[in-house]
Amino acid sequence: MNETEATESWFSRRVEEELKDLASKARSHPRIAIAGAVVLTLIVLYLIAHQLSSTGFFTATFGTFEMLLLYGSLIEWIVVAALEAFGRKNLSRDIDAFGGIIFVTIGGAWLFVVFPFEFAYFADVLPDFLRFLVQWISNDIARVLMVLGIIVMAVAAVYTPIAYGFVGKKRSKREE
């Protein structure tokens, strides 16, 4: 099997898995989705605590637009996780595939360019005994993590609509 056939075979298997999920309307792991929504909500609250406490984590370049991008991306993920947790897996996929991923990718890229953060203050809202959990994150480490996230989201922004197209085609062929 050459490389093209291997890739096509992998892609075909993923399309078949999606079709099975759509046909069964199966709920994916609701506990994982609930945990994701809870963790993301805690992250939002953590960032809000920084804003309300004026710790210095958000710099002067963190304006309304940057706030919309940061919190909007996190809220989009919370909504997707909540929909999936409540058995609306297909709707969560639609939201994520057609807009959510692109919004998060563009938002992440803009926040990387502007970089309105100062990670020296990132641990400031935690109690002293928990600060070690995030104290090691520097601006440079945060930038590397942001670039990795942007790359992953950019790949997902391309892959997901293509996969949806293939799923739609196979689905319509099966219904004929």
N, C-alpha and C. Protein backbone atom coordinates (compact mmCIF):
# COMPACT_ATOMS: atom_id res chain seq x y z
N MET A 1 0.85 -1.17 0.00
CA MET A 1 0.00 0.00 0.00
C MET A 1 0.90 1.24 0.00
N ASN A 2 0.67 2.13 -0.97
CA ASN A 2 1.49 3.34 -1.01
C ASN A 2 0.94 4.39 -0.05
N GLU A 3 1.65 5.50 0.04
CA GLU A 3 1.29 6.54 1.01
C GLU A 3 -0.09 7.14 0.74
N THR A 4 -0.44 7.33 -0.51
CA THR A 4 -1.75 7.90 -0.86
C THR A 4 -2.86 6.96 -0.43
N GLU A 5 -2.69 5.66 -0.70
CA GLU A 5 -3.71 4.69 -0.31
C GLU A 5 -3.84 4.61 1.20
N ALA A 6 -2.72 4.69 1.91
CA ALA A 6 -2.76 4.64 3.38
C ALA A 6 -3.51 5.84 3.94
N THR A 7 -3.24 7.02 3.39
CA THR A 7 -3.92 8.23 3.84
C THR A 7 -5.41 8.14 3.52
N GLU A 8 -5.73 7.69 2.31
CA GLU A 8 -7.12 7.56 1.90
C GLU A 8 -7.84 6.54 2.78
N SER A 9 -7.15 5.46 3.11
CA SER A 9 -7.74 4.44 3.96
C SER A 9 -8.01 4.99 5.35
N TRP A 10 -7.06 5.73 5.93
CA TRP A 10 -7.24 6.33 7.25
C TRP A 10 -8.42 7.30 7.21
N PHE A 11 -8.46 8.13 6.18
CA PHE A 11 -9.53 9.11 6.05
C PHE A 11 -10.87 8.41 5.89
N SER A 12 -10.91 7.35 5.10
CA SER A 12 -12.15 6.59 4.90
C SER A 12 -12.64 5.98 6.21
N ARG A 13 -11.72 5.48 7.02
CA ARG A 13 -12.11 4.92 8.32
C ARG A 13 -12.71 6.00 9.21
N ARG A 14 -12.12 7.19 9.21
CA ARG A 14 -12.65 8.30 10.03
C ARG A 14 -14.05 8.70 9.54
N VAL A 15 -14.25 8.72 8.22
CA VAL A 15 -15.56 9.05 7.66
C VAL A 15 -16.58 7.99 8.09
N GLU A 16 -16.20 6.72 8.04
CA GLU A 16 -17.10 5.64 8.46
C GLU A 16 -17.47 5.77 9.93
N GLU A 17 -16.51 6.13 10.77
CA GLU A 17 -16.79 6.32 12.19
C GLU A 17 -17.80 7.46 12.39
N GLU A 18 -17.60 8.54 11.65
CA GLU A 18 -18.53 9.67 11.75
C GLU A 18 -19.93 9.26 11.31
N LEU A 19 -20.01 8.49 10.25
CA LEU A 19 -21.32 8.04 9.77
C LEU A 19 -22.02 7.16 10.81
N LYS A 20 -21.26 6.29 11.47
CA LYS A 20 -21.85 5.46 12.53
C LYS A 20 -22.37 6.32 13.66
N ASP A 21 -21.60 7.34 14.05
CA ASP A 21 -22.03 8.25 15.11
C ASP A 21 -23.30 8.98 14.72
N LEU A 22 -23.34 9.45 13.48
CA LEU A 22 -24.52 10.18 13.02
C LEU A 22 -25.75 9.27 12.97
N ALA A 23 -25.55 8.04 12.51
CA ALA A 23 -26.66 7.10 12.39
C ALA A 23 -27.20 6.70 13.75
N SER A 24 -26.33 6.48 14.70
CA SER A 24 -26.77 6.02 16.01
C SER A 24 -27.16 7.16 16.92
N LYS A 25 -26.80 8.38 16.52
CA LYS A 25 -27.01 9.56 17.36
C LYS A 25 -26.43 9.31 18.75
N ALA A 26 -25.32 8.59 18.75
CA ALA A 26 -24.68 8.21 20.00
C ALA A 26 -24.13 9.41 20.74
N ARG A 27 -24.28 9.34 22.05
CA ARG A 27 -23.67 10.37 22.88
C ARG A 27 -22.23 9.97 23.09
N SER A 28 -21.35 10.90 22.83
CA SER A 28 -19.97 10.60 23.12
C SER A 28 -19.80 10.80 24.61
N HIS A 29 -18.75 10.48 25.11
CA HIS A 29 -18.41 10.47 26.52
C HIS A 29 -18.88 11.72 27.26
N PRO A 30 -20.10 11.69 27.83
CA PRO A 30 -20.63 12.89 28.48
C PRO A 30 -19.80 13.33 29.67
N ARG A 31 -19.20 12.41 30.37
CA ARG A 31 -18.37 12.79 31.53
C ARG A 31 -17.17 13.62 31.10
N ILE A 32 -16.58 13.23 29.98
CA ILE A 32 -15.43 13.98 29.47
C ILE A 32 -15.88 15.37 29.04
N ALA A 33 -17.02 15.45 28.37
CA ALA A 33 -17.53 16.75 27.92
C ALA A 33 -17.87 17.64 29.12
N ILE A 34 -18.47 17.06 30.15
CA ILE A 34 -18.79 17.83 31.35
C ILE A 34 -17.51 18.31 32.02
N ALA A 35 -16.53 17.43 32.14
CA ALA A 35 -15.24 17.82 32.74
C ALA A 35 -14.60 18.95 31.94
N GLY A 36 -14.66 18.85 30.61
CA GLY A 36 -14.11 19.90 29.76
C GLY A 36 -14.80 21.23 29.98
N ALA A 37 -16.13 21.20 30.06
CA ALA A 37 -16.89 22.43 30.29
C ALA A 37 -16.56 23.03 31.65
N VAL A 38 -16.39 22.18 32.66
CA VAL A 38 -16.05 22.67 34.00
C VAL A 38 -14.66 23.29 34.01
N VAL A 39 -13.69 22.60 33.40
CA VAL A 39 -12.32 23.13 33.36
C VAL A 39 -12.28 24.46 32.60
N LEU A 40 -12.96 24.53 31.48
CA LEU A 40 -12.98 25.78 30.71
C LEU A 40 -13.66 26.90 31.48
N THR A 41 -14.72 26.58 32.20
CA THR A 41 -15.39 27.59 33.03
C THR A 41 -14.45 28.09 34.12
N LEU A 42 -13.69 27.18 34.73
CA LEU A 42 -12.72 27.60 35.75
C LEU A 42 -11.63 28.49 35.15
N ILE A 43 -11.22 28.20 33.93
CA ILE A 43 -10.22 29.04 33.25
C ILE A 43 -10.79 30.44 33.03
N VAL A 44 -12.04 30.51 32.57
CA VAL A 44 -12.68 31.82 32.37
C VAL A 44 -12.74 32.58 33.69
N LEU A 45 -13.15 31.92 34.76
CA LEU A 45 -13.23 32.57 36.07
C LEU A 45 -11.85 33.01 36.56
N TYR A 46 -10.83 32.21 36.28
CA TYR A 46 -9.45 32.56 36.65
C TYR A 46 -9.01 33.83 35.93
N LEU A 47 -9.31 33.91 34.65
CA LEU A 47 -8.94 35.09 33.87
C LEU A 47 -9.74 36.32 34.32
N ILE A 48 -11.01 36.12 34.63
CA ILE A 48 -11.83 37.22 35.14
C ILE A 48 -11.27 37.72 36.47
N ALA A 49 -10.80 36.80 37.31
CA ALA A 49 -10.20 37.20 38.59
C ALA A 49 -8.98 38.08 38.35
N HIS A 50 -8.19 37.76 37.33
CA HIS A 50 -7.05 38.61 36.98
C HIS A 50 -7.52 40.00 36.58
N GLN A 51 -8.56 40.05 35.77
CA GLN A 51 -9.07 41.36 35.33
C GLN A 51 -9.61 42.18 36.49
N LEU A 52 -10.42 41.56 37.30
CA LEU A 52 -11.03 42.28 38.42
C LEU A 52 -10.01 42.72 39.47
N SER A 53 -8.95 41.93 39.63
CA SER A 53 -7.92 42.24 40.63
C SER A 53 -6.83 43.15 40.08
N SER A 54 -6.86 43.41 38.79
CA SER A 54 -5.82 44.22 38.13
C SER A 54 -4.42 43.76 38.55
N THR A 55 -4.15 42.48 38.34
CA THR A 55 -2.88 41.90 38.77
C THR A 55 -1.71 42.33 37.92
N GLY A 56 -1.96 42.75 36.70
CA GLY A 56 -0.89 43.06 35.77
C GLY A 56 -0.71 41.98 34.72
N PHE A 57 -1.46 40.87 34.87
CA PHE A 57 -1.39 39.80 33.87
C PHE A 57 -1.84 40.31 32.50
N PHE A 58 -2.95 41.04 32.48
CA PHE A 58 -3.40 41.65 31.23
C PHE A 58 -2.73 43.02 31.11
N THR A 59 -2.06 43.23 29.99
CA THR A 59 -1.35 44.48 29.77
C THR A 59 -2.28 45.54 29.20
N ALA A 60 -1.76 46.72 28.96
CA ALA A 60 -2.55 47.83 28.43
C ALA A 60 -3.09 47.53 27.03
N THR A 61 -2.45 46.60 26.31
CA THR A 61 -2.92 46.27 24.95
C THR A 61 -4.11 45.30 24.96
N PHE A 62 -4.55 44.87 26.14
CA PHE A 62 -5.71 43.97 26.24
C PHE A 62 -6.97 44.83 26.25
N GLY A 63 -7.47 45.08 25.05
CA GLY A 63 -8.65 45.92 24.90
C GLY A 63 -9.91 45.09 24.71
N THR A 64 -10.96 45.76 24.30
CA THR A 64 -12.25 45.12 24.12
C THR A 64 -12.20 44.02 23.06
N PHE A 65 -11.52 44.30 21.95
CA PHE A 65 -11.43 43.31 20.87
C PHE A 65 -10.70 42.05 21.35
N GLU A 66 -9.58 42.25 22.06
CA GLU A 66 -8.82 41.10 22.57
C GLU A 66 -9.63 40.33 23.61
N MET A 67 -10.40 41.06 24.41
CA MET A 67 -11.27 40.42 25.39
C MET A 67 -12.32 39.56 24.69
N LEU A 68 -12.91 40.09 23.63
CA LEU A 68 -13.90 39.35 22.85
C LEU A 68 -13.29 38.07 22.27
N LEU A 69 -12.09 38.18 21.73
CA LEU A 69 -11.44 37.01 21.14
C LEU A 69 -11.10 35.96 22.19
N LEU A 70 -10.53 36.38 23.31
CA LEU A 70 -10.13 35.44 24.35
C LEU A 70 -11.34 34.76 24.98
N TYR A 71 -12.25 35.57 25.51
CA TYR A 71 -13.42 34.99 26.18
C TYR A 71 -14.38 34.35 25.19
N GLY A 72 -14.48 34.89 23.99
CA GLY A 72 -15.35 34.30 22.97
C GLY A 72 -14.90 32.90 22.59
N SER A 73 -13.59 32.71 22.44
CA SER A 73 -13.05 31.38 22.12
C SER A 73 -13.34 30.39 23.23
N LEU A 74 -13.11 30.82 24.46
CA LEU A 74 -13.35 29.93 25.59
C LEU A 74 -14.84 29.61 25.74
N ILE A 75 -15.69 30.59 25.56
CA ILE A 75 -17.13 30.36 25.67
C ILE A 75 -17.62 29.45 24.55
N GLU A 76 -17.05 29.60 23.35
CA GLU A 76 -17.42 28.72 22.24
C GLU A 76 -17.11 27.27 22.61
N TRP A 77 -15.96 27.03 23.20
CA TRP A 77 -15.59 25.67 23.61
C TRP A 77 -16.49 25.17 24.72
N ILE A 78 -16.88 26.04 25.64
CA ILE A 78 -17.79 25.64 26.71
C ILE A 78 -19.14 25.22 26.12
N VAL A 79 -19.65 26.00 25.18
CA VAL A 79 -20.93 25.69 24.54
C VAL A 79 -20.85 24.35 23.81
N VAL A 80 -19.77 24.13 23.07
CA VAL A 80 -19.60 22.87 22.34
C VAL A 80 -19.55 21.70 23.32
N ALA A 81 -18.79 21.84 24.39
CA ALA A 81 -18.69 20.76 25.39
C ALA A 81 -20.03 20.52 26.07
N ALA A 82 -20.75 21.58 26.38
CA ALA A 82 -22.06 21.44 27.04
C ALA A 82 -23.06 20.75 26.10
N LEU A 83 -23.07 21.14 24.84
CA LEU A 83 -23.98 20.49 23.89
C LEU A 83 -23.67 19.01 23.78
N GLU A 84 -22.40 18.69 23.73
CA GLU A 84 -22.01 17.28 23.63
C GLU A 84 -22.40 16.53 24.90
N ALA A 85 -22.23 17.16 26.05
CA ALA A 85 -22.59 16.52 27.32
C ALA A 85 -24.08 16.23 27.41
N PHE A 86 -24.89 17.08 26.80
CA PHE A 86 -26.33 16.90 26.85
C PHE A 86 -26.88 16.14 25.64
N GLY A 87 -26.00 15.41 24.96
CA GLY A 87 -26.45 14.54 23.89
C GLY A 87 -26.66 15.21 22.55
N ARG A 88 -26.18 16.41 22.38
CA ARG A 88 -26.33 17.13 21.11
C ARG A 88 -25.00 17.12 20.36
N LYS A 89 -24.44 15.93 20.20
CA LYS A 89 -23.12 15.77 19.60
C LYS A 89 -23.05 16.34 18.19
N ASN A 90 -24.06 16.06 17.39
CA ASN A 90 -24.04 16.53 16.00
C ASN A 90 -24.12 18.05 15.93
N LEU A 91 -24.93 18.67 16.76
CA LEU A 91 -25.02 20.13 16.79
C LEU A 91 -23.69 20.72 17.27
N SER A 92 -23.08 20.10 18.26
CA SER A 92 -21.79 20.61 18.75
C SER A 92 -20.73 20.52 17.66
N ARG A 93 -20.77 19.46 16.88
CA ARG A 93 -19.82 19.33 15.76
C ARG A 93 -20.05 20.41 14.72
N ASP A 94 -21.31 20.68 14.42
CA ASP A 94 -21.62 21.71 13.42
C ASP A 94 -21.09 23.07 13.87
N ILE A 95 -21.35 23.42 15.11
CA ILE A 95 -20.89 24.71 15.63
C ILE A 95 -19.36 24.77 15.60
N ASP A 96 -18.74 23.69 16.03
CA ASP A 96 -17.28 23.66 16.08
C ASP A 96 -16.68 23.68 14.68
N ALA A 97 -17.24 22.90 13.78
CA ALA A 97 -16.68 22.79 12.43
C ALA A 97 -16.87 24.04 11.60
N PHE A 98 -18.03 24.64 11.69
CA PHE A 98 -18.34 25.77 10.82
C PHE A 98 -18.36 27.08 11.61
N GLY A 99 -17.20 27.50 11.98
CA GLY A 99 -17.08 28.79 12.65
C GLY A 99 -16.24 28.75 13.90
N GLY A 100 -16.52 27.80 14.77
CA GLY A 100 -15.82 27.75 16.04
C GLY A 100 -14.32 27.60 15.89
N ILE A 101 -13.92 26.63 15.10
CA ILE A 101 -12.49 26.38 14.92
C ILE A 101 -11.83 27.58 14.26
N ILE A 102 -12.47 28.15 13.28
CA ILE A 102 -11.90 29.30 12.58
C ILE A 102 -11.81 30.50 13.53
N PHE A 103 -12.85 30.72 14.32
CA PHE A 103 -12.85 31.82 15.30
C PHE A 103 -11.71 31.65 16.30
N VAL A 104 -11.53 30.45 16.82
CA VAL A 104 -10.47 30.18 17.79
C VAL A 104 -9.10 30.35 17.13
N THR A 105 -8.94 29.90 15.90
CA THR A 105 -7.66 30.02 15.21
C THR A 105 -7.30 31.48 14.97
N ILE A 106 -8.24 32.24 14.45
CA ILE A 106 -7.98 33.66 14.18
C ILE A 106 -7.78 34.42 15.49
N GLY A 107 -8.61 34.11 16.48
CA GLY A 107 -8.46 34.76 17.78
C GLY A 107 -7.11 34.47 18.41
N GLY A 108 -6.70 33.21 18.36
CA GLY A 108 -5.40 32.84 18.91
C GLY A 108 -4.26 33.52 18.18
N ALA A 109 -4.37 33.60 16.86
CA ALA A 109 -3.32 34.26 16.08
C ALA A 109 -3.24 35.76 16.42
N TRP A 110 -4.39 36.40 16.55
CA TRP A 110 -4.39 37.82 16.90
C TRP A 110 -3.80 38.04 18.30
N LEU A 111 -4.20 37.21 19.25
CA LEU A 111 -3.67 37.35 20.61
C LEU A 111 -2.17 37.07 20.65
N PHE A 112 -1.71 36.18 19.78
CA PHE A 112 -0.26 35.93 19.70
C PHE A 112 0.47 37.16 19.18
N VAL A 113 -0.07 37.78 18.15
CA VAL A 113 0.57 38.96 17.56
C VAL A 113 0.57 40.13 18.55
N VAL A 114 -0.56 40.39 19.17
CA VAL A 114 -0.67 41.50 20.11
C VAL A 114 -0.02 41.15 21.45
N PHE A 115 -0.15 39.92 21.87
CA PHE A 115 0.32 39.35 23.13
C PHE A 115 0.10 40.30 24.31
N PRO A 116 -1.17 40.45 24.70
CA PRO A 116 -1.52 41.38 25.78
C PRO A 116 -1.40 40.76 27.19
N PHE A 117 -0.40 39.93 27.39
CA PHE A 117 -0.24 39.22 28.65
C PHE A 117 1.13 39.46 29.25
N GLU A 118 1.20 39.35 30.55
CA GLU A 118 2.49 39.35 31.26
C GLU A 118 2.44 38.19 32.25
N PHE A 119 3.04 37.07 31.84
CA PHE A 119 2.92 35.83 32.61
C PHE A 119 3.68 35.85 33.93
N ALA A 120 4.45 36.87 34.19
CA ALA A 120 5.09 37.00 35.50
C ALA A 120 4.03 37.13 36.60
N TYR A 121 2.83 37.58 36.23
CA TYR A 121 1.74 37.78 37.20
C TYR A 121 0.67 36.70 37.13
N PHE A 122 0.88 35.67 36.33
CA PHE A 122 -0.15 34.67 36.08
C PHE A 122 -0.58 33.92 37.34
N ALA A 123 0.32 33.70 38.26
CA ALA A 123 0.00 32.95 39.48
C ALA A 123 -0.57 33.82 40.59
N ASP A 124 -0.63 35.12 40.40
CA ASP A 124 -0.98 36.05 41.48
C ASP A 124 -2.35 35.86 42.10
N VAL A 125 -3.33 35.33 41.39
CA VAL A 125 -4.66 35.18 41.96
C VAL A 125 -4.85 33.84 42.69
N LEU A 126 -3.85 32.99 42.64
CA LEU A 126 -3.92 31.71 43.34
C LEU A 126 -3.44 31.85 44.77
N PRO A 127 -3.93 30.99 45.66
CA PRO A 127 -3.37 30.96 47.01
C PRO A 127 -1.88 30.56 46.93
N ASP A 128 -1.09 30.97 47.90
CA ASP A 128 0.35 30.71 47.88
C ASP A 128 0.71 29.24 47.66
N PHE A 129 -0.02 28.33 48.29
CA PHE A 129 0.34 26.92 48.19
C PHE A 129 0.04 26.30 46.81
N LEU A 130 -0.70 27.02 45.94
CA LEU A 130 -1.00 26.52 44.59
C LEU A 130 -0.23 27.23 43.48
N ARG A 131 0.49 28.26 43.82
CA ARG A 131 1.15 29.06 42.79
C ARG A 131 2.16 28.27 41.96
N PHE A 132 2.77 27.27 42.54
CA PHE A 132 3.77 26.48 41.82
C PHE A 132 3.18 25.82 40.57
N LEU A 133 1.85 25.64 40.54
CA LEU A 133 1.21 24.99 39.40
C LEU A 133 1.37 25.76 38.10
N VAL A 134 1.37 27.09 38.17
CA VAL A 134 1.45 27.90 36.96
C VAL A 134 2.61 28.89 36.97
N GLN A 135 3.36 28.93 38.06
CA GLN A 135 4.45 29.90 38.20
C GLN A 135 5.56 29.71 37.16
N TRP A 136 5.72 28.52 36.67
CA TRP A 136 6.79 28.19 35.73
C TRP A 136 6.51 28.71 34.32
N ILE A 137 5.29 29.16 34.05
CA ILE A 137 4.94 29.62 32.70
C ILE A 137 5.47 31.04 32.50
N SER A 138 6.37 31.17 31.57
CA SER A 138 6.92 32.49 31.22
C SER A 138 6.25 32.98 29.94
N ASN A 139 6.52 34.21 29.56
CA ASN A 139 5.98 34.73 28.30
C ASN A 139 6.46 33.88 27.12
N ASP A 140 7.72 33.45 27.15
CA ASP A 140 8.25 32.64 26.05
C ASP A 140 7.55 31.29 25.96
N ILE A 141 7.36 30.65 27.09
CA ILE A 141 6.67 29.35 27.10
C ILE A 141 5.23 29.54 26.62
N ALA A 142 4.57 30.60 27.07
CA ALA A 142 3.19 30.87 26.64
C ALA A 142 3.13 31.09 25.13
N ARG A 143 4.11 31.78 24.59
CA ARG A 143 4.13 32.01 23.13
C ARG A 143 4.29 30.70 22.37
N VAL A 144 5.17 29.83 22.85
CA VAL A 144 5.37 28.53 22.20
C VAL A 144 4.07 27.73 22.24
N LEU A 145 3.42 27.70 23.41
CA LEU A 145 2.16 26.97 23.53
C LEU A 145 1.08 27.57 22.63
N MET A 146 1.07 28.89 22.51
CA MET A 146 0.10 29.53 21.61
C MET A 146 0.34 29.16 20.16
N VAL A 147 1.60 29.14 19.74
CA VAL A 147 1.92 28.76 18.36
C VAL A 147 1.49 27.32 18.09
N LEU A 148 1.78 26.43 19.03
CA LEU A 148 1.35 25.04 18.85
C LEU A 148 -0.18 24.95 18.75
N GLY A 149 -0.88 25.68 19.60
CA GLY A 149 -2.34 25.69 19.53
C GLY A 149 -2.87 26.25 18.23
N ILE A 150 -2.25 27.31 17.75
CA ILE A 150 -2.67 27.92 16.48
C ILE A 150 -2.46 26.94 15.33
N ILE A 151 -1.34 26.23 15.33
CA ILE A 151 -1.07 25.25 14.27
C ILE A 151 -2.11 24.13 14.30
N VAL A 152 -2.37 23.59 15.49
CA VAL A 152 -3.35 22.51 15.61
C VAL A 152 -4.73 22.99 15.16
N MET A 153 -5.13 24.17 15.58
CA MET A 153 -6.44 24.69 15.21
C MET A 153 -6.51 25.00 13.71
N ALA A 154 -5.41 25.47 13.12
CA ALA A 154 -5.40 25.74 11.68
C ALA A 154 -5.57 24.44 10.89
N VAL A 155 -4.90 23.38 11.33
CA VAL A 155 -5.06 22.08 10.67
C VAL A 155 -6.50 21.61 10.83
N ALA A 156 -7.06 21.75 12.02
CA ALA A 156 -8.44 21.35 12.25
C ALA A 156 -9.41 22.18 11.41
N ALA A 157 -9.09 23.46 11.21
CA ALA A 157 -9.96 24.34 10.41
C ALA A 157 -10.00 23.89 8.96
N VAL A 158 -8.95 23.25 8.49
CA VAL A 158 -8.92 22.73 7.12
C VAL A 158 -9.52 21.33 7.08
N TYR A 159 -9.12 20.48 8.01
CA TYR A 159 -9.53 19.07 8.01
C TYR A 159 -11.04 18.90 8.23
N THR A 160 -11.59 19.60 9.21
CA THR A 160 -12.97 19.36 9.62
C THR A 160 -13.99 19.60 8.51
N PRO A 161 -13.97 20.73 7.82
CA PRO A 161 -14.95 20.90 6.73
C PRO A 161 -14.77 19.89 5.59
N ILE A 162 -13.52 19.50 5.32
CA ILE A 162 -13.29 18.49 4.28
C ILE A 162 -13.91 17.17 4.72
N ALA A 163 -13.68 16.79 5.97
CA ALA A 163 -14.26 15.55 6.49
C ALA A 163 -15.78 15.62 6.44
N TYR A 164 -16.37 16.75 6.80
CA TYR A 164 -17.81 16.91 6.74
C TYR A 164 -18.32 16.73 5.31
N GLY A 165 -17.57 17.24 4.35
CA GLY A 165 -17.95 17.08 2.95
C GLY A 165 -17.98 15.61 2.55
N PHE A 166 -16.96 14.86 2.94
CA PHE A 166 -16.92 13.43 2.63
C PHE A 166 -18.04 12.67 3.34
N VAL A 167 -18.30 13.02 4.59
CA VAL A 167 -19.38 12.37 5.33
C VAL A 167 -20.71 12.64 4.64
N GLY A 168 -20.93 13.89 4.23
CA GLY A 168 -22.17 14.24 3.54
C GLY A 168 -22.35 13.47 2.25
N LYS A 169 -21.27 13.34 1.48
CA LYS A 169 -21.34 12.59 0.21
C LYS A 169 -21.67 11.12 0.46
N LYS A 170 -20.97 10.50 1.40
CA LYS A 170 -21.22 9.08 1.68
C LYS A 170 -22.61 8.87 2.23
N ARG A 171 -23.06 9.80 3.04
CA ARG A 171 -24.39 9.71 3.64
C ARG A 171 -25.46 9.78 2.55
N SER A 172 -25.31 10.71 1.61
CA SER A 172 -26.30 10.84 0.55
C SER A 172 -26.28 9.62 -0.37
N LYS A 173 -25.11 9.03 -0.60
CA LYS A 173 -25.03 7.80 -1.42
C LYS A 173 -25.76 6.65 -0.74
N ARG A 174 -25.62 6.55 0.58
CA ARG A 174 -26.27 5.46 1.32
C ARG A 174 -27.78 5.63 1.36
N GLU A 175 -28.24 6.86 1.33
CA GLU A 175 -29.68 7.13 1.41
C GLU A 175 -30.37 6.95 0.06
N GLU A 176 -29.60 6.86 -1.02
CA GLU A 176 -30.20 6.72 -2.36
C GLU A 176 -30.77 5.35 -2.59
